[in-house]
Amino acid sequence: MNLQIIEECVSTNAAIPREAPHGFALMALKQNAGRGQRGNSWESESGKNITLSLMLRPEGMEAARQFEISEAVALGVLDLLRSLGIEDVAVKWPNDVYVGDRKVCGILIENALAGPYVSRSIAGIGLNVNQRKFLSDAPNPVSLRQLTGREYPLAELAEEMVGNILRRLESGKNHVDFLANLYRRSGSHPWALPDGTRFLASIINVSPTGFLTLSEYPDRPFAFKEVSYLISN
């Protein structure tokens, strides 16, 4: 693992060298246009949080198995949080990390394919660490500083997190853990379809390929962006 820290860039996912080796991570103290899921921007106060991209080159991974990368990254972040004594952590499908009902980490995975295989994967990770206040209209952000009252060394946390992710990916056996740590795994919760339809449903399963099955539509597996969580009041 090799971690390079730079002062500033537009986006670490865009700035990381495409020829970088497996395990290389680029971390910026300031991102000018960090991206989250669904094309959203990612709020991060300069020098307060972990905003990095990690180059992964899983050998011989078929494209159909690429969700394993998402699982390994999310669980690697969970491993870090638990090592810090943070409780009530979970993975919000497909791969954001929550503490309770508040988002502490956003993850954006960009895969490149070569024929039937994943040639490289860039995992963009934004972990809220030392930020004390969030100013955007994001509904539920939280930082480690807000949760514990402590300040954390960013580089040390980033190195530990990357190490966790690489170990998770190498193990190749994360799906059971992913399901066990799934946000809203029990009970009925509000969801929405892209056409605005809202409904209550419980999670039946997430397949190894990343498709979500809900009780309201048991015969319709959902891909990412085909259904969304709603925040409970």
C-alpha atoms as a PDB file:
ATOM      1  CA  MET A   1       0.000   0.000   0.000  1.00  0.00           C
ATOM      2  CA  ASN A   2       1.269   3.451  -0.968  1.00  0.00           C
ATOM      3  CA  LEU A   3      -0.516   6.596   0.278  1.00  0.00           C
ATOM      4  CA  GLN A   4       0.273   9.924  -1.391  1.00  0.00           C
ATOM      5  CA  ILE A   5      -1.143  13.093   0.162  1.00  0.00           C
ATOM      6  CA  ILE A   6      -1.568  16.269  -1.894  1.00  0.00           C
ATOM      7  CA  GLU A   7      -2.832  19.679  -0.853  1.00  0.00           C
ATOM      8  CA  GLU A   8      -5.596  20.173  -3.386  1.00  0.00           C
ATOM      9  CA  CYS A   9      -7.254  18.798  -6.499  1.00  0.00           C
ATOM     10  CA  VAL A  10     -10.583  18.926  -8.284  1.00  0.00           C
ATOM     11  CA  SER A  11     -11.374  15.289  -7.525  1.00  0.00           C
ATOM     12  CA  THR A  12      -9.132  12.460  -6.372  1.00  0.00           C
ATOM     13  CA  ASN A  13     -11.006  10.029  -8.631  1.00  0.00           C
ATOM     14  CA  ALA A  14     -10.033  12.207 -11.588  1.00  0.00           C
ATOM     15  CA  ALA A  15      -6.498  12.954 -10.341  1.00  0.00           C
ATOM     16  CA  ILE A  16      -5.309   9.452  -9.441  1.00  0.00           C
ATOM     17  CA  PRO A  17      -2.912   8.190 -12.145  1.00  0.00           C
ATOM     18  CA  ARG A  18      -4.583   5.555 -14.312  1.00  0.00           C
ATOM     19  CA  GLU A  19      -1.310   3.601 -14.393  1.00  0.00           C
ATOM     20  CA  ALA A  20      -1.077   3.495 -10.587  1.00  0.00           C
ATOM     21  CA  PRO A  21      -0.476   0.027  -9.121  1.00  0.00           C
ATOM     22  CA  HIS A  22      -2.851  -1.989  -7.004  1.00  0.00           C
ATOM     23  CA  GLY A  23      -3.097  -0.504  -3.528  1.00  0.00           C
ATOM     24  CA  PHE A  24      -1.989   3.022  -4.455  1.00  0.00           C
ATOM     25  CA  ALA A  25      -4.071   5.699  -2.718  1.00  0.00           C
ATOM     26  CA  LEU A  26      -4.226   9.430  -3.462  1.00  0.00           C
ATOM     27  CA  MET A  27      -5.554  11.642  -0.677  1.00  0.00           C
ATOM     28  CA  ALA A  28      -6.288  15.357  -1.017  1.00  0.00           C
ATOM     29  CA  LEU A  29      -6.588  17.748   1.904  1.00  0.00           C
ATOM     30  CA  LYS A  30      -8.960  19.794  -0.242  1.00  0.00           C
ATOM     31  CA  GLN A  31     -11.228  18.679  -3.084  1.00  0.00           C
ATOM     32  CA  ASN A  32     -12.843  21.369  -5.189  1.00  0.00           C
ATOM     33  CA  ALA A  33     -15.446  19.140  -6.812  1.00  0.00           C
ATOM     34  CA  GLY A  34     -15.642  15.865  -4.928  1.00  0.00           C
ATOM     35  CA  ARG A  35     -18.368  13.610  -6.269  1.00  0.00           C
ATOM     36  CA  GLY A  36     -20.801  11.365  -4.460  1.00  0.00           C
ATOM     37  CA  GLN A  37     -23.393   8.871  -5.583  1.00  0.00           C
ATOM     38  CA  ARG A  38     -26.145   9.955  -8.009  1.00  0.00           C
ATOM     39  CA  GLY A  39     -23.945  12.819  -9.215  1.00  0.00           C
ATOM     40  CA  ASN A  40     -24.155  14.684  -5.906  1.00  0.00           C
ATOM     41  CA  SER A  41     -21.318  16.839  -4.638  1.00  0.00           C
ATOM     42  CA  TRP A  42     -19.499  15.887  -1.438  1.00  0.00           C
ATOM     43  CA  GLU A  43     -19.088  18.536   1.247  1.00  0.00           C
ATOM     44  CA  SER A  44     -15.722  18.386   2.966  1.00  0.00           C
ATOM     45  CA  GLU A  45     -14.038  21.190   4.915  1.00  0.00           C
ATOM     46  CA  SER A  46     -10.431  21.591   3.857  1.00  0.00           C
ATOM     47  CA  GLY A  47      -7.972  19.578   5.946  1.00  0.00           C
ATOM     48  CA  LYS A  48     -10.653  18.072   8.174  1.00  0.00           C
ATOM     49  CA  ASN A  49     -11.664  14.826   6.489  1.00  0.00           C
ATOM     50  CA  ILE A  50     -10.394  11.838   4.528  1.00  0.00           C
ATOM     51  CA  THR A  51     -11.034  12.304   0.826  1.00  0.00           C
ATOM     52  CA  LEU A  52      -9.078   9.756  -1.158  1.00  0.00           C
ATOM     53  CA  SER A  53      -9.162   7.425  -4.117  1.00  0.00           C
ATOM     54  CA  LEU A  54      -7.765   3.917  -4.014  1.00  0.00           C
ATOM     55  CA  MET A  55      -6.593   2.022  -7.081  1.00  0.00           C
ATOM     56  CA  LEU A  56      -7.601  -1.627  -7.079  1.00  0.00           C
ATOM     57  CA  ARG A  57      -6.586  -4.201  -9.684  1.00  0.00           C
ATOM     58  CA  PRO A  58      -8.307  -7.456  -8.707  1.00  0.00           C
ATOM     59  CA  GLU A  59      -6.659 -10.274 -10.630  1.00  0.00           C
ATOM     60  CA  GLY A  60      -8.976 -12.484 -12.642  1.00  0.00           C
ATOM     61  CA  MET A  61     -12.176 -10.893 -11.336  1.00  0.00           C
ATOM     62  CA  GLU A  62     -15.020 -11.424 -13.777  1.00  0.00           C
ATOM     63  CA  ALA A  63     -17.192  -8.387 -14.457  1.00  0.00           C
ATOM     64  CA  ALA A  64     -20.197 -10.185 -12.976  1.00  0.00           C
ATOM     65  CA  ARG A  65     -18.392 -10.228  -9.620  1.00  0.00           C
ATOM     66  CA  GLN A  66     -17.575  -6.522  -9.451  1.00  0.00           C
ATOM     67  CA  PHE A  67     -19.963  -5.919  -6.533  1.00  0.00           C
ATOM     68  CA  GLU A  68     -17.379  -7.758  -4.403  1.00  0.00           C
ATOM     69  CA  ILE A  69     -15.224  -4.635  -4.715  1.00  0.00           C
ATOM     70  CA  SER A  70     -18.009  -2.467  -3.329  1.00  0.00           C
ATOM     71  CA  GLU A  71     -18.510  -4.864  -0.428  1.00  0.00           C
ATOM     72  CA  ALA A  72     -14.798  -4.958   0.426  1.00  0.00           C
ATOM     73  CA  VAL A  73     -14.488  -1.163   0.415  1.00  0.00           C
ATOM     74  CA  ALA A  74     -17.545  -0.573   2.592  1.00  0.00           C
ATOM     75  CA  LEU A  75     -16.614  -3.292   5.077  1.00  0.00           C
ATOM     76  CA  GLY A  76     -13.047  -1.982   5.259  1.00  0.00           C
ATOM     77  CA  VAL A  77     -14.450   1.366   6.397  1.00  0.00           C
ATOM     78  CA  LEU A  78     -16.674  -0.401   8.941  1.00  0.00           C
ATOM     79  CA  ASP A  79     -13.620  -2.238  10.276  1.00  0.00           C
ATOM     80  CA  LEU A  80     -11.902   1.113  10.833  1.00  0.00           C
ATOM     81  CA  LEU A  81     -14.869   2.640  12.635  1.00  0.00           C
ATOM     82  CA  ARG A  82     -15.262  -0.331  14.929  1.00  0.00           C
ATOM     83  CA  SER A  83     -11.558  -0.222  15.773  1.00  0.00           C
ATOM     84  CA  LEU A  84     -12.196   3.345  16.981  1.00  0.00           C
ATOM     85  CA  GLY A  85     -15.037   2.203  19.217  1.00  0.00           C
ATOM     86  CA  ILE A  86     -17.809   3.586  16.990  1.00  0.00           C
ATOM     87  CA  GLU A  87     -21.015   1.579  17.451  1.00  0.00           C
ATOM     88  CA  ASP A  88     -24.232   1.161  15.457  1.00  0.00           C
ATOM     89  CA  VAL A  89     -22.393   1.220  12.123  1.00  0.00           C
ATOM     90  CA  ALA A  90     -23.926  -0.218   8.971  1.00  0.00           C
ATOM     91  CA  VAL A  91     -23.619  -0.281   5.184  1.00  0.00           C
ATOM     92  CA  LYS A  92     -26.424   1.483   3.329  1.00  0.00           C
ATOM     93  CA  TRP A  93     -26.934  -0.345   0.040  1.00  0.00           C
ATOM     94  CA  PRO A  94     -25.042  -0.276  -2.155  1.00  0.00           C
ATOM     95  CA  ASN A  95     -22.032   1.013  -0.207  1.00  0.00           C
ATOM     96  CA  ASP A  96     -22.419   4.175   1.892  1.00  0.00           C
ATOM     97  CA  VAL A  97     -21.559   3.874   5.587  1.00  0.00           C
ATOM     98  CA  TYR A  98     -23.921   5.021   8.308  1.00  0.00           C
ATOM     99  CA  VAL A  99     -23.778   5.464  12.067  1.00  0.00           C
ATOM    100  CA  GLY A 100     -27.349   5.085  13.209  1.00  0.00           C
ATOM    101  CA  ASP A 101     -29.357   7.066  10.661  1.00  0.00           C
ATOM    102  CA  ARG A 102     -26.532   9.465   9.825  1.00  0.00           C
ATOM    103  CA  LYS A 103     -24.068   9.243   6.941  1.00  0.00           C
ATOM    104  CA  VAL A 104     -20.415   9.228   7.949  1.00  0.00           C
ATOM    105  CA  CYS A 105     -18.874   7.968   4.703  1.00  0.00           C
ATOM    106  CA  GLY A 106     -19.695   8.150   1.011  1.00  0.00           C
ATOM    107  CA  ILE A 107     -18.187   5.759  -1.513  1.00  0.00           C
ATOM    108  CA  LEU A 108     -18.068   5.997  -5.300  1.00  0.00           C
ATOM    109  CA  ILE A 109     -16.737   2.999  -7.230  1.00  0.00           C
ATOM    110  CA  GLU A 110     -15.633   3.401 -10.860  1.00  0.00           C
ATOM    111  CA  ASN A 111     -14.818   0.133 -12.618  1.00  0.00           C
ATOM    112  CA  ALA A 112     -13.056  -0.327 -15.947  1.00  0.00           C
ATOM    113  CA  LEU A 113     -13.475  -3.560 -17.870  1.00  0.00           C
ATOM    114  CA  ALA A 114     -11.181  -5.433 -20.230  1.00  0.00           C
ATOM    115  CA  GLY A 115     -13.312  -7.999 -21.973  1.00  0.00           C
ATOM    116  CA  PRO A 116     -15.112 -10.088 -19.348  1.00  0.00           C
ATOM    117  CA  TYR A 117     -12.814  -8.964 -16.496  1.00  0.00           C
ATOM    118  CA  VAL A 118     -12.376  -5.945 -14.229  1.00  0.00           C
ATOM    119  CA  SER A 119      -9.091  -4.353 -15.279  1.00  0.00           C
ATOM    120  CA  ARG A 120      -9.076  -1.688 -12.587  1.00  0.00           C
ATOM    121  CA  SER A 121     -11.344  -0.149 -10.009  1.00  0.00           C
ATOM    122  CA  ILE A 122     -11.038   3.309  -8.505  1.00  0.00           C
ATOM    123  CA  ALA A 123     -12.700   3.566  -5.113  1.00  0.00           C
ATOM    124  CA  GLY A 124     -13.421   7.148  -4.124  1.00  0.00           C
ATOM    125  CA  ILE A 125     -13.968   7.444  -0.375  1.00  0.00           C
ATOM    126  CA  GLY A 126     -15.085  10.452   1.640  1.00  0.00           C
ATOM    127  CA  LEU A 127     -14.987   9.844   5.391  1.00  0.00           C
ATOM    128  CA  ASN A 128     -16.137  12.659   7.680  1.00  0.00           C
ATOM    129  CA  VAL A 129     -13.509  12.852  10.423  1.00  0.00           C
ATOM    130  CA  ASN A 130     -12.785  16.177  12.130  1.00  0.00           C
ATOM    131  CA  GLN A 131     -15.439  18.457  10.636  1.00  0.00           C
ATOM    132  CA  ARG A 132     -17.514  20.150  13.344  1.00  0.00           C
ATOM    133  CA  LYS A 133     -20.348  21.599  11.264  1.00  0.00           C
ATOM    134  CA  PHE A 134     -21.917  20.796   7.868  1.00  0.00           C
ATOM    135  CA  LEU A 135     -23.301  23.665   5.823  1.00  0.00           C
ATOM    136  CA  SER A 136     -24.793  21.958   2.778  1.00  0.00           C
ATOM    137  CA  ASP A 137     -28.403  20.796   2.500  1.00  0.00           C
ATOM    138  CA  ALA A 138     -27.382  17.152   2.855  1.00  0.00           C
ATOM    139  CA  PRO A 139     -30.013  15.712   5.193  1.00  0.00           C
ATOM    140  CA  ASN A 140     -27.998  13.605   7.617  1.00  0.00           C
ATOM    141  CA  PRO A 141     -24.180  13.991   7.648  1.00  0.00           C
ATOM    142  CA  VAL A 142     -22.111  13.263  10.743  1.00  0.00           C
ATOM    143  CA  SER A 143     -18.386  13.190  11.519  1.00  0.00           C
ATOM    144  CA  LEU A 144     -16.288  11.173  13.918  1.00  0.00           C
ATOM    145  CA  ARG A 145     -15.552  14.434  15.747  1.00  0.00           C
ATOM    146  CA  GLN A 146     -19.264  15.025  16.274  1.00  0.00           C
ATOM    147  CA  LEU A 147     -19.778  11.457  17.454  1.00  0.00           C
ATOM    148  CA  THR A 148     -16.892  11.197  19.909  1.00  0.00           C
ATOM    149  CA  GLY A 149     -15.657  14.727  20.607  1.00  0.00           C
ATOM    150  CA  ARG A 150     -12.139  13.639  19.547  1.00  0.00           C
ATOM    151  CA  GLU A 151      -9.780  14.848  16.830  1.00  0.00           C
ATOM    152  CA  TYR A 152      -8.155  12.159  14.687  1.00  0.00           C
ATOM    153  CA  PRO A 153      -4.901  12.031  12.659  1.00  0.00           C
ATOM    154  CA  LEU A 154      -6.050  11.834   9.052  1.00  0.00           C
ATOM    155  CA  ALA A 155      -3.029  10.089   7.525  1.00  0.00           C
ATOM    156  CA  GLU A 156      -2.985   7.331  10.148  1.00  0.00           C
ATOM    157  CA  LEU A 157      -6.694   6.683   9.761  1.00  0.00           C
ATOM    158  CA  ALA A 158      -6.380   6.655   5.968  1.00  0.00           C
ATOM    159  CA  GLU A 159      -3.555   4.113   6.058  1.00  0.00           C
ATOM    160  CA  GLU A 160      -5.481   1.840   8.404  1.00  0.00           C
ATOM    161  CA  MET A 161      -8.616   2.110   6.285  1.00  0.00           C
ATOM    162  CA  VAL A 162      -6.797   1.295   3.051  1.00  0.00           C
ATOM    163  CA  GLY A 163      -5.105  -1.681   4.700  1.00  0.00           C
ATOM    164  CA  ASN A 164      -8.493  -2.947   5.858  1.00  0.00           C
ATOM    165  CA  ILE A 165      -9.925  -2.637   2.350  1.00  0.00           C
ATOM    166  CA  LEU A 166      -7.025  -4.481   0.740  1.00  0.00           C
ATOM    167  CA  ARG A 167      -7.341  -7.320   3.243  1.00  0.00           C
ATOM    168  CA  ARG A 168     -11.075  -7.508   2.690  1.00  0.00           C
ATOM    169  CA  LEU A 169     -10.663  -7.635  -1.079  1.00  0.00           C
ATOM    170  CA  GLU A 170      -7.970 -10.296  -0.863  1.00  0.00           C
ATOM    171  CA  SER A 171     -10.166 -12.496   1.331  1.00  0.00           C
ATOM    172  CA  GLY A 172     -12.903 -12.591  -1.297  1.00  0.00           C
ATOM    173  CA  LYS A 173     -15.416 -13.765   1.312  1.00  0.00           C
ATOM    174  CA  ASN A 174     -17.343 -10.699   2.376  1.00  0.00           C
ATOM    175  CA  HIS A 175     -20.924 -11.223   1.258  1.00  0.00           C
ATOM    176  CA  VAL A 176     -22.165 -12.791   4.491  1.00  0.00           C
ATOM    177  CA  ASP A 177     -20.589  -9.937   6.480  1.00  0.00           C
ATOM    178  CA  PHE A 178     -22.105  -7.409   4.090  1.00  0.00           C
ATOM    179  CA  LEU A 179     -25.606  -8.782   4.661  1.00  0.00           C
ATOM    180  CA  ALA A 180     -25.084  -8.938   8.426  1.00  0.00           C
ATOM    181  CA  ASN A 181     -24.075  -5.255   8.492  1.00  0.00           C
ATOM    182  CA  LEU A 182     -26.754  -3.946   6.125  1.00  0.00           C
ATOM    183  CA  TYR A 183     -28.530  -0.717   7.069  1.00  0.00           C
ATOM    184  CA  ARG A 184     -32.275  -1.248   7.642  1.00  0.00           C
ATOM    185  CA  ARG A 185     -31.760  -5.015   7.482  1.00  0.00           C
ATOM    186  CA  SER A 186     -34.784  -5.575   9.732  1.00  0.00           C
ATOM    187  CA  GLY A 187     -38.188  -3.932   9.855  1.00  0.00           C
ATOM    188  CA  SER A 188     -40.210  -2.049   7.244  1.00  0.00           C
ATOM    189  CA  HIS A 189     -38.945   1.307   5.994  1.00  0.00           C
ATOM    190  CA  PRO A 190     -39.957   3.917   3.388  1.00  0.00           C
ATOM    191  CA  TRP A 191     -38.647   3.652  -0.186  1.00  0.00           C
ATOM    192  CA  ALA A 192     -39.266   5.454  -3.475  1.00  0.00           C
ATOM    193  CA  LEU A 193     -39.172   4.563  -7.160  1.00  0.00           C
ATOM    194  CA  PRO A 194     -37.857   7.019  -9.774  1.00  0.00           C
ATOM    195  CA  ASP A 195     -41.450   7.773 -10.863  1.00  0.00           C
ATOM    196  CA  GLY A 196     -42.247   9.035  -7.356  1.00  0.00           C
ATOM    197  CA  THR A 197     -44.058   5.947  -6.100  1.00  0.00           C
ATOM    198  CA  ARG A 198     -43.518   5.585  -2.353  1.00  0.00           C
ATOM    199  CA  PHE A 199     -43.979   2.444  -0.322  1.00  0.00           C
ATOM    200  CA  LEU A 200     -43.008   0.640   2.858  1.00  0.00           C
ATOM    201  CA  ALA A 201     -40.957  -2.524   2.534  1.00  0.00           C
ATOM    202  CA  SER A 202     -38.404  -4.673   4.275  1.00  0.00           C
ATOM    203  CA  ILE A 203     -35.180  -5.926   2.723  1.00  0.00           C
ATOM    204  CA  ILE A 204     -35.410  -9.544   1.630  1.00  0.00           C
ATOM    205  CA  ASN A 205     -31.911  -9.877   0.211  1.00  0.00           C
ATOM    206  CA  VAL A 206     -28.995  -8.327  -1.615  1.00  0.00           C
ATOM    207  CA  SER A 207     -27.588 -10.744  -4.180  1.00  0.00           C
ATOM    208  CA  PRO A 208     -23.829 -11.333  -4.587  1.00  0.00           C
ATOM    209  CA  THR A 209     -24.104  -9.259  -7.769  1.00  0.00           C
ATOM    210  CA  GLY A 210     -25.564  -6.315  -5.832  1.00  0.00           C
ATOM    211  CA  PHE A 211     -29.265  -6.478  -6.699  1.00  0.00           C
ATOM    212  CA  LEU A 212     -31.671  -5.512  -3.901  1.00  0.00           C
ATOM    213  CA  THR A 213     -34.910  -7.410  -3.291  1.00  0.00           C
ATOM    214  CA  LEU A 214     -37.696  -5.774  -1.256  1.00  0.00           C
ATOM    215  CA  SER A 215     -40.815  -7.324   0.258  1.00  0.00           C
ATOM    216  CA  GLU A 216     -43.180  -5.040  -1.687  1.00  0.00           C
ATOM    217  CA  TYR A 217     -41.689  -6.223  -5.005  1.00  0.00           C
ATOM    218  CA  PRO A 218     -40.357  -9.743  -4.257  1.00  0.00           C
ATOM    219  CA  ASP A 219     -40.032 -10.674  -7.952  1.00  0.00           C
ATOM    220  CA  ARG A 220     -38.257  -7.476  -9.015  1.00  0.00           C
ATOM    221  CA  PRO A 221     -34.579  -7.219  -8.092  1.00  0.00           C
ATOM    222  CA  PHE A 222     -33.483  -3.567  -8.052  1.00  0.00           C
ATOM    223  CA  ALA A 223     -30.208  -2.254  -9.407  1.00  0.00           C
ATOM    224  CA  PHE A 224     -28.674   0.916  -7.987  1.00  0.00           C
ATOM    225  CA  LYS A 225     -30.720   4.030  -8.884  1.00  0.00           C
ATOM    226  CA  GLU A 226     -33.851   1.928  -9.550  1.00  0.00           C
ATOM    227  CA  VAL A 227     -35.035   2.477  -5.964  1.00  0.00           C
ATOM    228  CA  SER A 228     -33.978   4.827  -3.192  1.00  0.00           C
ATOM    229  CA  TYR A 229     -34.194   5.053   0.572  1.00  0.00           C
ATOM    230  CA  LEU A 230     -36.394   7.689   2.138  1.00  0.00           C
ATOM    231  CA  ILE A 231     -35.424   9.267   5.424  1.00  0.00           C
ATOM    232  CA  SER A 232     -37.847   8.381   8.203  1.00  0.00           C
ATOM    233  CA  ASN A 233     -39.391  11.257  10.090  1.00  0.00           C
END
